[in-house]
Amino acid sequence: MSAEQWLNLSKLPVGFGLNYRNDGLSIDIQSDGEGGVNVTATADSTGRQVTVTRTETDHRIRDETVNSEVKETRPAAQGWLTGTALTLLGIILIWQLIKYHLSKH
């Protein structure tokens, strides 16, 4: 039985399922109506060795949606103040250099 068959079987109403019979061994697989399955195994004769194999599958759904947001940013106050301070410092420095050169001549 494939994993796809298990997933489809779990979606059926309660009581619906499959029955396998082979050499006196009967396996009954039925939906429990809540997204799972019930498995019952019976043997017609005694003295046979019973081997139990349990396989669980986990079906996960990933969210692969793409989220694209455009954020508009404005210069912060710190950037504005820094630019203004550097401009004023440059003006003062140029003014001092002009004053120094004019006073020498």
Protein backbone atom coordinates (compact mmCIF):
# COMPACT_ATOMS: atom_id res chain seq x y z
CA MET A 1 0.00 0.00 0.00
CA SER A 2 1.50 3.34 -1.02
CA ALA A 3 1.67 6.48 1.11
CA GLU A 4 -0.82 8.18 -1.21
CA GLN A 5 -3.33 5.36 -0.61
CA TRP A 6 -2.87 5.76 3.17
CA LEU A 7 -3.53 9.50 2.90
CA ASN A 8 -6.63 8.95 0.77
CA LEU A 9 -7.90 6.20 3.10
CA SER A 10 -7.62 8.52 6.12
CA LYS A 11 -9.99 11.00 4.41
CA LEU A 12 -12.84 8.48 4.09
CA PRO A 13 -15.80 8.29 6.52
CA VAL A 14 -15.73 5.90 9.51
CA GLY A 15 -15.86 2.22 8.57
CA PHE A 16 -14.67 2.50 4.98
CA GLY A 17 -11.41 0.75 4.19
CA LEU A 18 -9.60 -2.23 2.72
CA ASN A 19 -9.37 -5.92 3.61
CA TYR A 20 -6.43 -8.14 2.59
CA ARG A 21 -6.47 -11.91 3.04
CA ASN A 22 -3.47 -14.16 2.35
CA ASP A 23 -2.77 -17.72 3.62
CA GLY A 24 -5.04 -17.50 6.64
CA LEU A 25 -3.96 -14.00 7.60
CA SER A 26 -6.54 -11.25 7.32
CA ILE A 27 -5.65 -7.56 7.54
CA ASP A 28 -8.45 -5.03 7.86
CA ILE A 29 -7.62 -1.33 7.36
CA GLN A 30 -10.44 1.15 8.08
CA SER A 31 -10.70 4.91 8.38
CA ASP A 32 -11.41 6.22 11.89
CA GLY A 33 -13.15 9.33 10.52
CA GLU A 34 -10.71 11.66 12.28
CA GLY A 35 -7.84 11.63 9.79
CA GLY A 36 -6.32 8.32 10.93
CA VAL A 37 -6.74 4.61 10.23
CA ASN A 38 -7.38 1.49 12.33
CA VAL A 39 -5.49 -1.67 11.37
CA THR A 40 -6.64 -5.09 12.62
CA ALA A 41 -4.82 -8.34 11.79
CA THR A 42 -6.27 -11.79 12.53
CA ALA A 43 -4.99 -15.30 11.81
CA ASP A 44 -7.17 -18.34 11.10
CA SER A 45 -4.69 -20.79 12.61
CA THR A 46 -2.45 -20.88 15.67
CA GLY A 47 1.25 -21.61 15.81
CA ARG A 48 2.27 -19.10 13.21
CA GLN A 49 4.77 -16.40 13.93
CA VAL A 50 3.37 -12.88 13.99
CA THR A 51 5.60 -10.02 12.88
CA VAL A 52 4.39 -6.48 13.54
CA THR A 53 5.66 -3.71 11.31
CA ARG A 54 4.63 -0.16 12.06
CA THR A 55 5.20 2.68 9.62
CA GLU A 56 4.14 6.24 10.29
CA THR A 57 3.95 8.99 7.74
CA ASP A 58 3.84 12.66 8.47
CA HIS A 59 2.33 14.99 5.91
CA ARG A 60 3.39 18.58 6.35
CA ILE A 61 2.33 21.56 4.31
CA ARG A 62 4.76 24.40 3.81
CA ASP A 63 3.72 27.94 3.23
CA GLU A 64 5.69 29.08 0.20
CA THR A 65 3.97 32.37 -0.40
CA VAL A 66 6.20 35.26 -1.29
CA ASN A 67 5.79 38.35 0.78
CA SER A 68 7.17 41.49 -0.79
CA GLU A 69 6.88 44.68 1.16
CA VAL A 70 8.23 48.06 0.11
CA LYS A 71 9.30 50.18 3.03
CA GLU A 72 9.78 53.88 2.53
CA THR A 73 12.47 55.31 4.76
CA ARG A 74 13.35 58.88 5.47
CA PRO A 75 16.64 60.17 6.77
CA ALA A 76 16.68 60.13 10.54
CA ALA A 77 17.18 63.25 12.64
CA GLN A 78 20.70 62.13 13.46
CA GLY A 79 21.68 62.14 9.77
CA TRP A 80 20.16 65.59 9.28
CA LEU A 81 21.93 66.99 12.36
CA THR A 82 25.26 65.45 11.35
CA GLY A 83 25.04 66.92 7.86
CA THR A 84 24.13 70.36 9.21
CA ALA A 85 26.95 70.29 11.79
CA LEU A 86 29.54 69.31 9.17
CA THR A 87 28.33 72.05 6.83
CA LEU A 88 28.56 74.69 9.57
CA LEU A 89 32.01 73.43 10.58
CA GLY A 90 33.15 73.71 6.95
CA ILE A 91 31.78 77.27 6.67
CA ILE A 92 33.50 78.30 9.92
CA LEU A 93 36.80 76.75 8.78
CA ILE A 94 36.65 78.52 5.42
CA TRP A 95 35.75 81.81 7.14
CA GLN A 96 38.73 81.45 9.51
CA LEU A 97 41.07 80.71 6.58
CA ILE A 98 39.80 83.76 4.67
CA LYS A 99 40.17 85.90 7.79
CA TYR A 100 43.71 84.61 8.35
CA HIS A 101 44.82 85.31 4.77
CA LEU A 102 43.24 88.79 4.72
CA SER A 103 44.87 89.83 7.98
CA LYS A 104 48.38 88.92 6.74
CA HIS A 105 48.25 91.17 3.71
